[in-house]
Each structure stands twice: as C-alpha cells, then as structure tokens.
Amino acid sequence: MCECGKIFVFGLSAGFIPQAFKDQVAQVLPYCDYVFANENEIKAWAETQGHTTKSIREMAKLLAQMPKKNTKRPRVVIVTQGTDSTIVATSKDGGDAEIQEVPVLAIESSKIVDTNGAG
C-alpha cells in the first residue's frame, strides 16, 4: 500500500476488536492513514496498549502518534462521541499531534428514521 501511495482507512469497528485482535490491529496500524473509532473503541484500544489516560483527546493523540510506514501523509484519527464533539487528531512531523474538536449538531429524535449502522 505504501509503495502505491494509496490511502488506507481503518475502523476499529467494535470495542472487542482491539482486545481480541490486539496483534492483528498492531500489524495493520502502521499502514493506516485514517483511523475511525467511537469513544468505547478508542478506550479499548488504549487499554490494550497499557495507557491509563481517561482523556479521549489524549487517546486519539496517542493513536495518531503511533509509528507509520507511509510518512508522505499524516495519520488522522477520528473519534465520534454521539452528540458530543468529534475529536480529530492529526500526526505532525517530530512525533506530535494536533487535536481539533468538531461540534456535532443534535437531531431531534422524531427526525431519526433508522440508527442501524449509524455508529
């Protein structure tokens, strides 16, 4: 993937994925340009890595800072939190990461048709 310059996107998908498949997730992460997670999934990932922080922002930053094979583009970690702000951590040269919070507008429950696959 790195050699071809293709963008690789990965979703943690469920809290048990980083727990039950810790080694496999670790093998894939160096190739990931974008990683999506919700607050439960990022917490599960952080726990499997031995991180003790309770801050979603810090967890996103730690994941963004993990080693990456393709250094031509930064890793971007997007953490959704329902109607709380979405956290976006973007890796920077030198090992740091920039954190942004993107507000989420609440939708009236009467306007929600189907939550299947809504994350």
PDB file of N, CA and C in Angstrom:
ATOM      1  N   MET A   1       0.807  -1.192   0.000  1.00  0.00           N
ATOM      2  CA  MET A   1       0.000   0.000   0.000  1.00  0.00           C
ATOM      3  C   MET A   1       0.854   1.262   0.000  1.00  0.00           C
ATOM      4  N   CYS A   2       1.896   1.272   0.797  1.00  0.00           N
ATOM      5  CA  CYS A   2       2.743   2.462   0.878  1.00  0.00           C
ATOM      6  C   CYS A   2       3.390   2.770  -0.469  1.00  0.00           C
ATOM      7  N   GLU A   3       3.834   1.726  -1.146  1.00  0.00           N
ATOM      8  CA  GLU A   3       4.538   1.912  -2.402  1.00  0.00           C
ATOM      9  C   GLU A   3       3.639   2.523  -3.476  1.00  0.00           C
ATOM     10  N   CYS A   4       2.362   2.221  -3.425  1.00  0.00           N
ATOM     11  CA  CYS A   4       1.419   2.696  -4.437  1.00  0.00           C
ATOM     12  C   CYS A   4       0.842   4.067  -4.106  1.00  0.00           C
ATOM     13  N   GLY A   5       1.059   4.549  -2.888  1.00  0.00           N
ATOM     14  CA  GLY A   5       0.529   5.841  -2.489  1.00  0.00           C
ATOM     15  C   GLY A   5      -0.962   5.848  -2.218  1.00  0.00           C
ATOM     16  N   LYS A   6      -1.548   4.672  -2.067  1.00  0.00           N
ATOM     17  CA  LYS A   6      -2.991   4.582  -1.810  1.00  0.00           C
ATOM     18  C   LYS A   6      -3.298   4.970  -0.364  1.00  0.00           C
ATOM     19  N   ILE A   7      -4.458   5.566  -0.167  1.00  0.00           N
ATOM     20  CA  ILE A   7      -4.914   5.914   1.176  1.00  0.00           C
ATOM     21  C   ILE A   7      -5.553   4.679   1.797  1.00  0.00           C
ATOM     22  N   PHE A   8      -5.178   4.383   3.048  1.00  0.00           N
ATOM     23  CA  PHE A   8      -5.716   3.232   3.749  1.00  0.00           C
ATOM     24  C   PHE A   8      -6.505   3.716   4.959  1.00  0.00           C
ATOM     25  N   VAL A   9      -7.775   3.329   5.022  1.00  0.00           N
ATOM     26  CA  VAL A   9      -8.692   3.729   6.085  1.00  0.00           C
ATOM     27  C   VAL A   9      -9.048   2.492   6.896  1.00  0.00           C
ATOM     28  N   PHE A  10      -9.071   2.648   8.215  1.00  0.00           N
ATOM     29  CA  PHE A  10      -9.354   1.521   9.106  1.00  0.00           C
ATOM     30  C   PHE A  10     -10.316   1.967  10.199  1.00  0.00           C
ATOM     31  N   GLY A  11     -11.301   1.142  10.491  1.00  0.00           N
ATOM     32  CA  GLY A  11     -12.227   1.413  11.589  1.00  0.00           C
ATOM     33  C   GLY A  11     -12.067   0.352  12.655  1.00  0.00           C
ATOM     34  N   LEU A  12     -11.994   0.770  13.909  1.00  0.00           N
ATOM     35  CA  LEU A  12     -11.859  -0.204  14.991  1.00  0.00           C
ATOM     36  C   LEU A  12     -13.123  -1.054  15.136  1.00  0.00           C
ATOM     37  N   SER A  13     -14.248  -0.573  14.657  1.00  0.00           N
ATOM     38  CA  SER A  13     -15.482  -1.349  14.455  1.00  0.00           C
ATOM     39  C   SER A  13     -16.255  -1.760  15.694  1.00  0.00           C
ATOM     40  N   ALA A  14     -15.596  -2.150  16.746  1.00  0.00           N
ATOM     41  CA  ALA A  14     -16.260  -2.567  17.988  1.00  0.00           C
ATOM     42  C   ALA A  14     -15.207  -2.635  19.081  1.00  0.00           C
ATOM     43  N   GLY A  15     -15.636  -2.436  20.321  1.00  0.00           N
ATOM     44  CA  GLY A  15     -14.690  -2.428  21.436  1.00  0.00           C
ATOM     45  C   GLY A  15     -13.895  -3.714  21.587  1.00  0.00           C
ATOM     46  N   PHE A  16     -14.480  -4.846  21.199  1.00  0.00           N
ATOM     47  CA  PHE A  16     -13.760  -6.109  21.368  1.00  0.00           C
ATOM     48  C   PHE A  16     -12.659  -6.310  20.312  1.00  0.00           C
ATOM     49  N   ILE A  17     -12.712  -5.576  19.212  1.00  0.00           N
ATOM     50  CA  ILE A  17     -11.726  -5.781  18.135  1.00  0.00           C
ATOM     51  C   ILE A  17     -10.299  -5.505  18.626  1.00  0.00           C
ATOM     52  N   PRO A  18     -10.015  -4.330  19.213  1.00  0.00           N
ATOM     53  CA  PRO A  18      -8.640  -4.123  19.681  1.00  0.00           C
ATOM     54  C   PRO A  18      -8.255  -5.026  20.852  1.00  0.00           C
ATOM     55  N   GLN A  19      -9.234  -5.607  21.530  1.00  0.00           N
ATOM     56  CA  GLN A  19      -8.935  -6.519  22.633  1.00  0.00           C
ATOM     57  C   GLN A  19      -8.667  -7.930  22.108  1.00  0.00           C
ATOM     58  N   ALA A  20      -9.607  -8.477  21.360  1.00  0.00           N
ATOM     59  CA  ALA A  20      -9.498  -9.862  20.880  1.00  0.00           C
ATOM     60  C   ALA A  20      -8.479 -10.013  19.758  1.00  0.00           C
ATOM     61  N   PHE A  21      -8.237  -8.935  19.010  1.00  0.00           N
ATOM     62  CA  PHE A  21      -7.330  -8.986  17.870  1.00  0.00           C
ATOM     63  C   PHE A  21      -6.203  -7.971  18.021  1.00  0.00           C
ATOM     64  N   LYS A  22      -5.672  -7.869  19.232  1.00  0.00           N
ATOM     65  CA  LYS A  22      -4.638  -6.876  19.552  1.00  0.00           C
ATOM     66  C   LYS A  22      -3.452  -6.972  18.592  1.00  0.00           C
ATOM     67  N   ASP A  23      -2.938  -8.167  18.367  1.00  0.00           N
ATOM     68  CA  ASP A  23      -1.770  -8.341  17.497  1.00  0.00           C
ATOM     69  C   ASP A  23      -2.081  -7.972  16.048  1.00  0.00           C
ATOM     70  N   GLN A  24      -3.242  -8.372  15.567  1.00  0.00           N
ATOM     71  CA  GLN A  24      -3.617  -8.071  14.188  1.00  0.00           C
ATOM     72  C   GLN A  24      -3.812  -6.561  13.989  1.00  0.00           C
ATOM     73  N   VAL A  25      -4.444  -5.907  14.957  1.00  0.00           N
ATOM     74  CA  VAL A  25      -4.612  -4.453  14.878  1.00  0.00           C
ATOM     75  C   VAL A  25      -3.239  -3.784  14.871  1.00  0.00           C
ATOM     76  N   ALA A  26      -2.339  -4.257  15.707  1.00  0.00           N
ATOM     77  CA  ALA A  26      -0.983  -3.697  15.760  1.00  0.00           C
ATOM     78  C   ALA A  26      -0.250  -3.867  14.430  1.00  0.00           C
ATOM     79  N   GLN A  27      -0.509  -4.963  13.728  1.00  0.00           N
ATOM     80  CA  GLN A  27       0.127  -5.197  12.428  1.00  0.00           C
ATOM     81  C   GLN A  27      -0.415  -4.269  11.353  1.00  0.00           C
ATOM     82  N   VAL A  28      -1.683  -3.890  11.451  1.00  0.00           N
ATOM     83  CA  VAL A  28      -2.337  -3.057  10.441  1.00  0.00           C
ATOM     84  C   VAL A  28      -2.076  -1.570  10.661  1.00  0.00           C
ATOM     85  N   LEU A  29      -2.027  -1.134  11.913  1.00  0.00           N
ATOM     86  CA  LEU A  29      -1.942   0.296  12.219  1.00  0.00           C
ATOM     87  C   LEU A  29      -0.801   1.054  11.531  1.00  0.00           C
ATOM     88  N   PRO A  30       0.384   0.476  11.364  1.00  0.00           N
ATOM     89  CA  PRO A  30       1.447   1.239  10.692  1.00  0.00           C
ATOM     90  C   PRO A  30       1.098   1.660   9.263  1.00  0.00           C
ATOM     91  N   TYR A  31       0.121   1.010   8.659  1.00  0.00           N
ATOM     92  CA  TYR A  31      -0.274   1.312   7.284  1.00  0.00           C
ATOM     93  C   TYR A  31      -1.489   2.245   7.202  1.00  0.00           C
ATOM     94  N   CYS A  32      -2.070   2.560   8.330  1.00  0.00           N
ATOM     95  CA  CYS A  32      -3.325   3.319   8.358  1.00  0.00           C
ATOM     96  C   CYS A  32      -3.094   4.819   8.243  1.00  0.00           C
ATOM     97  N   ASP A  33      -3.770   5.421   7.261  1.00  0.00           N
ATOM     98  CA  ASP A  33      -3.744   6.873   7.100  1.00  0.00           C
ATOM     99  C   ASP A  33      -4.868   7.517   7.901  1.00  0.00           C
ATOM    100  N   TYR A  34      -6.027   6.868   7.936  1.00  0.00           N
ATOM    101  CA  TYR A  34      -7.187   7.340   8.690  1.00  0.00           C
ATOM    102  C   TYR A  34      -7.679   6.202   9.569  1.00  0.00           C
ATOM    103  N   VAL A  35      -7.919   6.498  10.836  1.00  0.00           N
ATOM    104  CA  VAL A  35      -8.471   5.507  11.764  1.00  0.00           C
ATOM    105  C   VAL A  35      -9.733   6.104  12.375  1.00  0.00           C
ATOM    106  N   PHE A  36     -10.841   5.372  12.265  1.00  0.00           N
ATOM    107  CA  PHE A  36     -12.115   5.786  12.843  1.00  0.00           C
ATOM    108  C   PHE A  36     -12.420   4.933  14.067  1.00  0.00           C
ATOM    109  N   ALA A  37     -12.954   5.582  15.096  1.00  0.00           N
ATOM    110  CA  ALA A  37     -13.365   4.872  16.303  1.00  0.00           C
ATOM    111  C   ALA A  37     -14.432   5.698  17.014  1.00  0.00           C
ATOM    112  N   ASN A  38     -15.214   5.028  17.847  1.00  0.00           N
ATOM    113  CA  ASN A  38     -16.068   5.778  18.760  1.00  0.00           C
ATOM    114  C   ASN A  38     -15.366   5.791  20.115  1.00  0.00           C
ATOM    115  N   GLU A  39     -15.977   6.438  21.100  1.00  0.00           N
ATOM    116  CA  GLU A  39     -15.297   6.591  22.390  1.00  0.00           C
ATOM    117  C   GLU A  39     -15.033   5.249  23.074  1.00  0.00           C
ATOM    118  N   ASN A  40     -15.908   4.268  22.929  1.00  0.00           N
ATOM    119  CA  ASN A  40     -15.681   2.957  23.546  1.00  0.00           C
ATOM    120  C   ASN A  40     -14.549   2.202  22.858  1.00  0.00           C
ATOM    121  N   GLU A  41     -14.480   2.298  21.544  1.00  0.00           N
ATOM    122  CA  GLU A  41     -13.439   1.593  20.785  1.00  0.00           C
ATOM    123  C   GLU A  41     -12.057   2.167  21.073  1.00  0.00           C
ATOM    124  N   ILE A  42     -11.946   3.500  21.159  1.00  0.00           N
ATOM    125  CA  ILE A  42     -10.634   4.106  21.431  1.00  0.00           C
ATOM    126  C   ILE A  42     -10.191   3.790  22.855  1.00  0.00           C
ATOM    127  N   LYS A  43     -11.155   3.718  23.793  1.00  0.00           N
ATOM    128  CA  LYS A  43     -10.816   3.340  25.169  1.00  0.00           C
ATOM    129  C   LYS A  43     -10.288   1.910  25.214  1.00  0.00           C
ATOM    130  N   ALA A  44     -10.935   1.002  24.486  1.00  0.00           N
ATOM    131  CA  ALA A  44     -10.493  -0.394  24.445  1.00  0.00           C
ATOM    132  C   ALA A  44      -9.095  -0.481  23.851  1.00  0.00           C
ATOM    133  N   TRP A  45      -8.841   0.285  22.771  1.00  0.00           N
ATOM    134  CA  TRP A  45      -7.505   0.277  22.166  1.00  0.00           C
ATOM    135  C   TRP A  45      -6.469   0.780  23.175  1.00  0.00           C
ATOM    136  N   ALA A  46      -6.761   1.895  23.846  1.00  0.00           N
ATOM    137  CA  ALA A  46      -5.814   2.481  24.800  1.00  0.00           C
ATOM    138  C   ALA A  46      -5.502   1.501  25.934  1.00  0.00           C
ATOM    139  N   GLU A  47      -6.524   0.821  26.421  1.00  0.00           N
ATOM    140  CA  GLU A  47      -6.317  -0.158  27.488  1.00  0.00           C
ATOM    141  C   GLU A  47      -5.404  -1.285  27.042  1.00  0.00           C
ATOM    142  N   THR A  48      -5.597  -1.777  25.809  1.00  0.00           N
ATOM    143  CA  THR A  48      -4.753  -2.882  25.323  1.00  0.00           C
ATOM    144  C   THR A  48      -3.298  -2.447  25.169  1.00  0.00           C
ATOM    145  N   GLN A  49      -3.082  -1.147  25.014  1.00  0.00           N
ATOM    146  CA  GLN A  49      -1.728  -0.619  24.859  1.00  0.00           C
ATOM    147  C   GLN A  49      -1.097  -0.233  26.196  1.00  0.00           C
ATOM    148  N   GLY A  50      -1.858  -0.381  27.269  1.00  0.00           N
ATOM    149  CA  GLY A  50      -1.340  -0.062  28.597  1.00  0.00           C
ATOM    150  C   GLY A  50      -1.440   1.408  28.965  1.00  0.00           C
ATOM    151  N   HIS A  51      -2.171   2.195  28.180  1.00  0.00           N
ATOM    152  CA  HIS A  51      -2.350   3.613  28.500  1.00  0.00           C
ATOM    153  C   HIS A  51      -3.405   3.744  29.598  1.00  0.00           C
ATOM    154  N   THR A  52      -3.151   4.632  30.538  1.00  0.00           N
ATOM    155  CA  THR A  52      -4.073   4.794  31.666  1.00  0.00           C
ATOM    156  C   THR A  52      -4.867   6.093  31.599  1.00  0.00           C
ATOM    157  N   THR A  53      -4.637   6.905  30.593  1.00  0.00           N
ATOM    158  CA  THR A  53      -5.359   8.166  30.487  1.00  0.00           C
ATOM    159  C   THR A  53      -6.855   7.927  30.353  1.00  0.00           C
ATOM    160  N   LYS A  54      -7.637   8.833  30.880  1.00  0.00           N
ATOM    161  CA  LYS A  54      -9.095   8.783  30.746  1.00  0.00           C
ATOM    162  C   LYS A  54      -9.578   9.788  29.701  1.00  0.00           C
ATOM    163  N   SER A  55      -8.662  10.536  29.108  1.00  0.00           N
ATOM    164  CA  SER A  55      -8.980  11.583  28.148  1.00  0.00           C
ATOM    165  C   SER A  55      -9.084  11.021  26.734  1.00  0.00           C
ATOM    166  N   ILE A  56     -10.252  11.187  26.114  1.00  0.00           N
ATOM    167  CA  ILE A  56     -10.441  10.747  24.730  1.00  0.00           C
ATOM    168  C   ILE A  56      -9.480  11.514  23.823  1.00  0.00           C
ATOM    169  N   ARG A  57      -9.310  12.797  24.072  1.00  0.00           N
ATOM    170  CA  ARG A  57      -8.373  13.616  23.285  1.00  0.00           C
ATOM    171  C   ARG A  57      -6.970  13.021  23.337  1.00  0.00           C
ATOM    172  N   GLU A  58      -6.526  12.646  24.518  1.00  0.00           N
ATOM    173  CA  GLU A  58      -5.187  12.078  24.683  1.00  0.00           C
ATOM    174  C   GLU A  58      -5.077  10.713  24.002  1.00  0.00           C
ATOM    175  N   MET A  59      -6.121   9.895  24.104  1.00  0.00           N
ATOM    176  CA  MET A  59      -6.112   8.585  23.436  1.00  0.00           C
ATOM    177  C   MET A  59      -5.998   8.753  21.929  1.00  0.00           C
ATOM    178  N   ALA A  60      -6.751   9.695  21.376  1.00  0.00           N
ATOM    179  CA  ALA A  60      -6.695   9.951  19.935  1.00  0.00           C
ATOM    180  C   ALA A  60      -5.300  10.414  19.538  1.00  0.00           C
ATOM    181  N   LYS A  61      -4.720  11.273  20.356  1.00  0.00           N
ATOM    182  CA  LYS A  61      -3.367  11.772  20.090  1.00  0.00           C
ATOM    183  C   LYS A  61      -2.357  10.620  20.129  1.00  0.00           C
ATOM    184  N   LEU A  62      -2.471   9.747  21.123  1.00  0.00           N
ATOM    185  CA  LEU A  62      -1.554   8.608  21.237  1.00  0.00           C
ATOM    186  C   LEU A  62      -1.647   7.698  20.014  1.00  0.00           C
ATOM    187  N   LEU A  63      -2.855   7.450  19.545  1.00  0.00           N
ATOM    188  CA  LEU A  63      -3.035   6.606  18.356  1.00  0.00           C
ATOM    189  C   LEU A  63      -2.475   7.292  17.118  1.00  0.00           C
ATOM    190  N   ALA A  64      -2.697   8.593  16.992  1.00  0.00           N
ATOM    191  CA  ALA A  64      -2.165   9.335  15.839  1.00  0.00           C
ATOM    192  C   ALA A  64      -0.642   9.299  15.811  1.00  0.00           C
ATOM    193  N   GLN A  65      -0.018   9.234  16.974  1.00  0.00           N
ATOM    194  CA  GLN A  65       1.439   9.275  17.078  1.00  0.00           C
ATOM    195  C   GLN A  65       2.107   7.916  16.910  1.00  0.00           C
ATOM    196  N   MET A  66       1.331   6.857  16.755  1.00  0.00           N
ATOM    197  CA  MET A  66       1.920   5.530  16.572  1.00  0.00           C
ATOM    198  C   MET A  66       2.754   5.514  15.288  1.00  0.00           C
ATOM    199  N   PRO A  67       3.794   4.666  15.248  1.00  0.00           N
ATOM    200  CA  PRO A  67       4.637   4.605  14.045  1.00  0.00           C
ATOM    201  C   PRO A  67       3.816   4.338  12.784  1.00  0.00           C
ATOM    202  N   LYS A  68       4.239   4.965  11.687  1.00  0.00           N
ATOM    203  CA  LYS A  68       3.512   4.881  10.419  1.00  0.00           C
ATOM    204  C   LYS A  68       4.504   4.630   9.293  1.00  0.00           C
ATOM    205  N   LYS A  69       4.200   3.687   8.422  1.00  0.00           N
ATOM    206  CA  LYS A  69       5.077   3.336   7.302  1.00  0.00           C
ATOM    207  C   LYS A  69       5.140   4.436   6.246  1.00  0.00           C
ATOM    208  N   ASN A  70       3.983   4.923   5.809  1.00  0.00           N
ATOM    209  CA  ASN A  70       3.946   5.950   4.768  1.00  0.00           C
ATOM    210  C   ASN A  70       4.024   7.322   5.431  1.00  0.00           C
ATOM    211  N   THR A  71       5.201   7.910   5.377  1.00  0.00           N
ATOM    212  CA  THR A  71       5.405   9.204   6.034  1.00  0.00           C
ATOM    213  C   THR A  71       5.087  10.380   5.112  1.00  0.00           C
ATOM    214  N   LYS A  72       4.577  10.094   3.920  1.00  0.00           N
ATOM    215  CA  LYS A  72       4.234  11.168   2.980  1.00  0.00           C
ATOM    216  C   LYS A  72       2.940  11.873   3.371  1.00  0.00           C
ATOM    217  N   ARG A  73       2.131  11.232   4.204  1.00  0.00           N
ATOM    218  CA  ARG A  73       0.891  11.873   4.666  1.00  0.00           C
ATOM    219  C   ARG A  73       0.737  11.561   6.150  1.00  0.00           C
ATOM    220  N   PRO A  74       0.089  12.461   6.884  1.00  0.00           N
ATOM    221  CA  PRO A  74      -0.089  12.225   8.323  1.00  0.00           C
ATOM    222  C   PRO A  74      -1.167  11.174   8.590  1.00  0.00           C
ATOM    223  N   ARG A  75      -1.136  10.628   9.784  1.00  0.00           N
ATOM    224  CA  ARG A  75      -2.243   9.771  10.206  1.00  0.00           C
ATOM    225  C   ARG A  75      -3.280  10.684  10.846  1.00  0.00           C
ATOM    226  N   VAL A  76      -4.542  10.430  10.535  1.00  0.00           N
ATOM    227  CA  VAL A  76      -5.659  11.179  11.099  1.00  0.00           C
ATOM    228  C   VAL A  76      -6.537  10.195  11.849  1.00  0.00           C
ATOM    229  N   VAL A  77      -6.787  10.480  13.117  1.00  0.00           N
ATOM    230  CA  VAL A  77      -7.638   9.645  13.952  1.00  0.00           C
ATOM    231  C   VAL A  77      -8.913  10.428  14.234  1.00  0.00           C
ATOM    232  N   ILE A  78     -10.057   9.839  13.926  1.00  0.00           N
ATOM    233  CA  ILE A  78     -11.361  10.482  14.109  1.00  0.00           C
ATOM    234  C   ILE A  78     -12.135   9.672  15.142  1.00  0.00           C
ATOM    235  N   VAL A  79     -12.505  10.329  16.245  1.00  0.00           N
ATOM    236  CA  VAL A  79     -13.230   9.648  17.317  1.00  0.00           C
ATOM    237  C   VAL A  79     -14.592  10.311  17.484  1.00  0.00           C
ATOM    238  N   THR A  80     -15.649   9.553  17.212  1.00  0.00           N
ATOM    239  CA  THR A  80     -17.000  10.060  17.380  1.00  0.00           C
ATOM    240  C   THR A  80     -17.466   9.795  18.811  1.00  0.00           C
ATOM    241  N   GLN A  81     -18.351  10.682  19.290  1.00  0.00           N
ATOM    242  CA  GLN A  81     -18.843  10.573  20.666  1.00  0.00           C
ATOM    243  C   GLN A  81     -20.328  10.914  20.737  1.00  0.00           C
ATOM    244  N   GLY A  82     -21.107  10.371  19.821  1.00  0.00           N
ATOM    245  CA  GLY A  82     -22.535  10.680  19.805  1.00  0.00           C
ATOM    246  C   GLY A  82     -22.752  12.155  19.539  1.00  0.00           C
ATOM    247  N   THR A  83     -23.505  12.811  20.412  1.00  0.00           N
ATOM    248  CA  THR A  83     -23.759  14.239  20.217  1.00  0.00           C
ATOM    249  C   THR A  83     -22.673  15.113  20.830  1.00  0.00           C
ATOM    250  N   ASP A  84     -21.680  14.510  21.499  1.00  0.00           N
ATOM    251  CA  ASP A  84     -20.519  15.279  21.959  1.00  0.00           C
ATOM    252  C   ASP A  84     -19.598  15.513  20.763  1.00  0.00           C
ATOM    253  N   SER A  85     -18.720  16.486  20.886  1.00  0.00           N
ATOM    254  CA  SER A  85     -17.820  16.837  19.782  1.00  0.00           C
ATOM    255  C   SER A  85     -17.028  15.632  19.292  1.00  0.00           C
ATOM    256  N   THR A  86     -16.807  15.589  17.984  1.00  0.00           N
ATOM    257  CA  THR A  86     -15.924  14.589  17.383  1.00  0.00           C
ATOM    258  C   THR A  86     -14.492  15.080  17.560  1.00  0.00           C
ATOM    259  N   ILE A  87     -13.617  14.182  17.968  1.00  0.00           N
ATOM    260  CA  ILE A  87     -12.206  14.506  18.180  1.00  0.00           C
ATOM    261  C   ILE A  87     -11.427  14.077  16.947  1.00  0.00           C
ATOM    262  N   VAL A  88     -10.587  14.972  16.419  1.00  0.00           N
ATOM    263  CA  VAL A  88      -9.742  14.666  15.264  1.00  0.00           C
ATOM    264  C   VAL A  88      -8.300  14.929  15.674  1.00  0.00           C
ATOM    265  N   ALA A  89      -7.477  13.890  15.635  1.00  0.00           N
ATOM    266  CA  ALA A  89      -6.052  14.013  15.955  1.00  0.00           C
ATOM    267  C   ALA A  89      -5.263  13.760  14.679  1.00  0.00           C
ATOM    268  N   THR A  90      -4.403  14.705  14.319  1.00  0.00           N
ATOM    269  CA  THR A  90      -3.592  14.598  13.108  1.00  0.00           C
ATOM    270  C   THR A  90      -2.128  14.589  13.504  1.00  0.00           C
ATOM    271  N   SER A  91      -1.407  13.537  13.095  1.00  0.00           N
ATOM    272  CA  SER A  91       0.010  13.444  13.433  1.00  0.00           C
ATOM    273  C   SER A  91       0.783  14.556  12.739  1.00  0.00           C
ATOM    274  N   LYS A  92       1.848  14.969  13.388  1.00  0.00           N
ATOM    275  CA  LYS A  92       2.714  16.022  12.845  1.00  0.00           C
ATOM    276  C   LYS A  92       4.150  15.512  12.828  1.00  0.00           C
ATOM    277  N   ASP A  93       4.974  16.135  11.994  1.00  0.00           N
ATOM    278  CA  ASP A  93       6.390  15.788  11.986  1.00  0.00           C
ATOM    279  C   ASP A  93       6.969  15.991  13.383  1.00  0.00           C
ATOM    280  N   GLY A  94       7.888  15.133  13.763  1.00  0.00           N
ATOM    281  CA  GLY A  94       8.511  15.246  15.064  1.00  0.00           C
ATOM    282  C   GLY A  94       7.793  14.461  16.148  1.00  0.00           C
ATOM    283  N   GLY A  95       6.704  13.751  15.774  1.00  0.00           N
ATOM    284  CA  GLY A  95       6.040  12.876  16.726  1.00  0.00           C
ATOM    285  C   GLY A  95       4.887  13.479  17.491  1.00  0.00           C
ATOM    286  N   ASP A  96       4.579  14.744  17.280  1.00  0.00           N
ATOM    287  CA  ASP A  96       3.462  15.363  17.984  1.00  0.00           C
ATOM    288  C   ASP A  96       2.174  15.136  17.188  1.00  0.00           C
ATOM    289  N   ALA A  97       1.057  15.603  17.708  1.00  0.00           N
ATOM    290  CA  ALA A  97      -0.220  15.516  17.009  1.00  0.00           C
ATOM    291  C   ALA A  97      -1.058  16.739  17.347  1.00  0.00           C
ATOM    292  N   GLU A  98      -1.786  17.208  16.355  1.00  0.00           N
ATOM    293  CA  GLU A  98      -2.694  18.347  16.525  1.00  0.00           C
ATOM    294  C   GLU A  98      -4.086  17.804  16.815  1.00  0.00           C
ATOM    295  N   ILE A  99      -4.757  18.415  17.781  1.00  0.00           N
ATOM    296  CA  ILE A  99      -6.101  17.979  18.169  1.00  0.00           C
ATOM    297  C   ILE A  99      -7.113  19.055  17.791  1.00  0.00           C
ATOM    298  N   GLN A 100      -8.215  18.616  17.185  1.00  0.00           N
ATOM    299  CA  GLN A 100      -9.327  19.501  16.882  1.00  0.00           C
ATOM    300  C   GLN A 100     -10.600  18.875  17.447  1.00  0.00           C
ATOM    301  N   GLU A 101     -11.537  19.726  17.836  1.00  0.00           N
ATOM    302  CA  GLU A 101     -12.857  19.257  18.239  1.00  0.00           C
ATOM    303  C   GLU A 101     -13.860  19.807  17.242  1.00  0.00           C
ATOM    304  N   VAL A 102     -14.661  18.926  16.685  1.00  0.00           N
ATOM    305  CA  VAL A 102     -15.663  19.321  15.701  1.00  0.00           C
ATOM    306  C   VAL A 102     -17.035  19.156  16.351  1.00  0.00           C
ATOM    307  N   PRO A 103     -17.773  20.245  16.509  1.00  0.00           N
ATOM    308  CA  PRO A 103     -19.098  20.137  17.151  1.00  0.00           C
ATOM    309  C   PRO A 103     -20.053  19.285  16.333  1.00  0.00           C
ATOM    310  N   VAL A 104     -20.925  18.601  17.034  1.00  0.00           N
ATOM    311  CA  VAL A 104     -21.948  17.762  16.403  1.00  0.00           C
ATOM    312  C   VAL A 104     -23.302  18.360  16.756  1.00  0.00           C
ATOM    313  N   LEU A 105     -24.092  18.586  15.756  1.00  0.00           N
ATOM    314  CA  LEU A 105     -25.432  19.128  15.986  1.00  0.00           C
ATOM    315  C   LEU A 105     -26.389  17.987  16.322  1.00  0.00           C
ATOM    316  N   ALA A 106     -27.099  18.146  17.404  1.00  0.00           N
ATOM    317  CA  ALA A 106     -28.077  17.132  17.797  1.00  0.00           C
ATOM    318  C   ALA A 106     -29.271  17.173  16.840  1.00  0.00           C
ATOM    319  N   ILE A 107     -29.822  16.012  16.576  1.00  0.00           N
ATOM    320  CA  ILE A 107     -31.002  15.886  15.731  1.00  0.00           C
ATOM    321  C   ILE A 107     -32.168  15.489  16.633  1.00  0.00           C
ATOM    322  N   GLU A 108     -33.296  16.104  16.424  1.00  0.00           N
ATOM    323  CA  GLU A 108     -34.476  15.730  17.202  1.00  0.00           C
ATOM    324  C   GLU A 108     -34.771  14.249  16.982  1.00  0.00           C
ATOM    325  N   SER A 109     -35.063  13.540  18.062  1.00  0.00           N
ATOM    326  CA  SER A 109     -35.308  12.099  17.942  1.00  0.00           C
ATOM    327  C   SER A 109     -36.473  11.790  16.999  1.00  0.00           C
ATOM    328  N   SER A 110     -37.409  12.702  16.863  1.00  0.00           N
ATOM    329  CA  SER A 110     -38.537  12.473  15.961  1.00  0.00           C
ATOM    330  C   SER A 110     -38.111  12.474  14.490  1.00  0.00           C
ATOM    331  N   LYS A 111     -36.929  13.025  14.208  1.00  0.00           N
ATOM    332  CA  LYS A 111     -36.446  13.079  12.816  1.00  0.00           C
ATOM    333  C   LYS A 111     -35.515  11.921  12.472  1.00  0.00           C
ATOM    334  N   ILE A 112     -35.190  11.082  13.450  1.00  0.00           N
ATOM    335  CA  ILE A 112     -34.313   9.943  13.196  1.00  0.00           C
ATOM    336  C   ILE A 112     -35.163   8.791  12.695  1.00  0.00           C
ATOM    337  N   VAL A 113     -34.818   8.292  11.518  1.00  0.00           N
ATOM    338  CA  VAL A 113     -35.598   7.221  10.890  1.00  0.00           C
ATOM    339  C   VAL A 113     -35.029   5.859  11.258  1.00  0.00           C
ATOM    340  N   ASP A 114     -33.710   5.699  11.190  1.00  0.00           N
ATOM    341  CA  ASP A 114     -33.092   4.397  11.405  1.00  0.00           C
ATOM    342  C   ASP A 114     -31.677   4.596  11.910  1.00  0.00           C
ATOM    343  N   THR A 115     -31.318   3.982  13.031  1.00  0.00           N
ATOM    344  CA  THR A 115     -29.970   4.140  13.578  1.00  0.00           C
ATOM    345  C   THR A 115     -29.057   2.971  13.234  1.00  0.00           C
ATOM    346  N   ASN A 116     -29.523   1.980  12.493  1.00  0.00           N
ATOM    347  CA  ASN A 116     -28.667   0.868  12.098  1.00  0.00           C
ATOM    348  C   ASN A 116     -27.484   1.386  11.303  1.00  0.00           C
ATOM    349  N   GLY A 117     -26.289   1.016  11.744  1.00  0.00           N
ATOM    350  CA  GLY A 117     -25.076   1.422  11.042  1.00  0.00           C
ATOM    351  C   GLY A 117     -24.722   2.888  11.237  1.00  0.00           C
ATOM    352  N   ALA A 118     -25.338   3.544  12.196  1.00  0.00           N
ATOM    353  CA  ALA A 118     -25.090   4.971  12.403  1.00  0.00           C
ATOM    354  C   ALA A 118     -23.849   5.232  13.239  1.00  0.00           C
ATOM    355  N   GLY A 119     -23.252   4.201  13.805  1.00  0.00           N
ATOM    356  CA  GLY A 119     -22.027   4.374  14.559  1.00  0.00           C
ATOM    357  C   GLY A 119     -22.219   4.771  15.992  1.00  0.00           C
TER     358      GLY A 119
END
